[in-house]
Structures are given as C-alpha cells and as structure tokens.
Amino acid sequence: MPKRVYLTLPDALYKDLERWADLQGRPIANLANYLVERAVEQAKERGELPLEQGK
C-alpha cells in the first residue's frame, strides 16, 4: 500500500522543482516521487542503503 510523505522545501528549491515539472508537463508531486525513487535505487546500487533482509 502506498504511503504519503509531506515535505517542506526552501522557496528556491520549490521553484526549481516547479520549473522542472512544468518543462516535463507533469505535476510537481509526480516529479518529486520519481526523484525520490531514483535516489533510493542509486543509494542501494552504491551500497549506501543495504538491501532489506527477511521481510
């Protein structure tokens, strides 16, 4: 089941994210979700986030 996360961003970061989402024709939340997923995948690949065991 999907979980919800709320973020508070500095104005400058929000504006950059908004501009990026507009350029891609998608909502800010959708772009933020994609970026978080990508960051977690990359952290796993680099060994910064160990793979889950025994769940």
Protein backbone atom coordinates (compact mmCIF):
# COMPACT_ATOMS: atom_id res chain seq x y z
CA MET A 1 0.00 0.00 0.00
CA PRO A 2 1.43 3.41 -0.93
CA LYS A 3 2.45 5.73 1.89
CA ARG A 4 2.24 9.51 1.95
CA VAL A 5 5.17 11.77 2.83
CA TYR A 6 4.96 15.53 3.37
CA LEU A 7 7.95 17.76 2.62
CA THR A 8 8.80 21.33 3.43
CA LEU A 9 11.14 22.79 0.81
CA PRO A 10 13.05 26.05 0.64
CA ASP A 11 11.44 28.50 -1.80
CA ALA A 12 14.32 28.34 -4.28
CA LEU A 13 14.25 24.54 -4.40
CA TYR A 14 10.47 24.52 -4.83
CA LYS A 15 10.71 26.99 -7.71
CA ASP A 16 13.37 24.87 -9.43
CA LEU A 17 11.27 21.73 -8.95
CA GLU A 18 8.18 23.54 -10.24
CA ARG A 19 10.04 24.75 -13.33
CA TRP A 20 11.44 21.26 -14.00
CA ALA A 21 8.00 19.65 -13.63
CA ASP A 22 6.48 22.26 -15.97
CA LEU A 23 9.14 21.54 -18.58
CA GLN A 24 8.23 17.85 -18.40
CA GLY A 25 4.49 18.52 -18.39
CA ARG A 26 3.87 16.74 -15.11
CA PRO A 27 2.76 17.64 -11.59
CA ILE A 28 5.43 18.56 -9.03
CA ALA A 29 4.43 15.64 -6.79
CA ASN A 30 4.92 13.19 -9.66
CA LEU A 31 8.40 14.53 -10.40
CA ALA A 32 9.32 14.50 -6.70
CA ASN A 33 8.15 10.88 -6.42
CA TYR A 34 10.30 9.91 -9.41
CA LEU A 35 13.35 11.70 -7.99
CA VAL A 36 12.99 10.05 -4.57
CA GLU A 37 12.60 6.59 -6.15
CA ARG A 38 15.68 7.20 -8.27
CA ALA A 39 17.73 8.42 -5.30
CA VAL A 40 16.82 5.33 -3.24
CA GLU A 41 17.67 2.97 -6.13
CA GLN A 42 21.04 4.70 -6.59
CA ALA A 43 21.77 4.52 -2.85
CA LYS A 44 21.12 0.76 -2.96
CA GLU A 45 23.37 0.34 -6.01
CA ARG A 46 26.21 2.23 -4.29
CA GLY A 47 25.79 0.23 -1.09
CA GLU A 48 24.73 3.27 0.94
CA LEU A 49 21.41 1.57 1.71
CA PRO A 50 21.69 -2.17 2.37
CA LEU A 51 19.07 -4.38 0.79
CA GLU A 52 16.27 -5.43 3.14
CA GLN A 53 16.56 -8.92 4.61
CA GLY A 54 13.96 -11.32 5.95
CA LYS A 55 10.71 -9.47 5.31
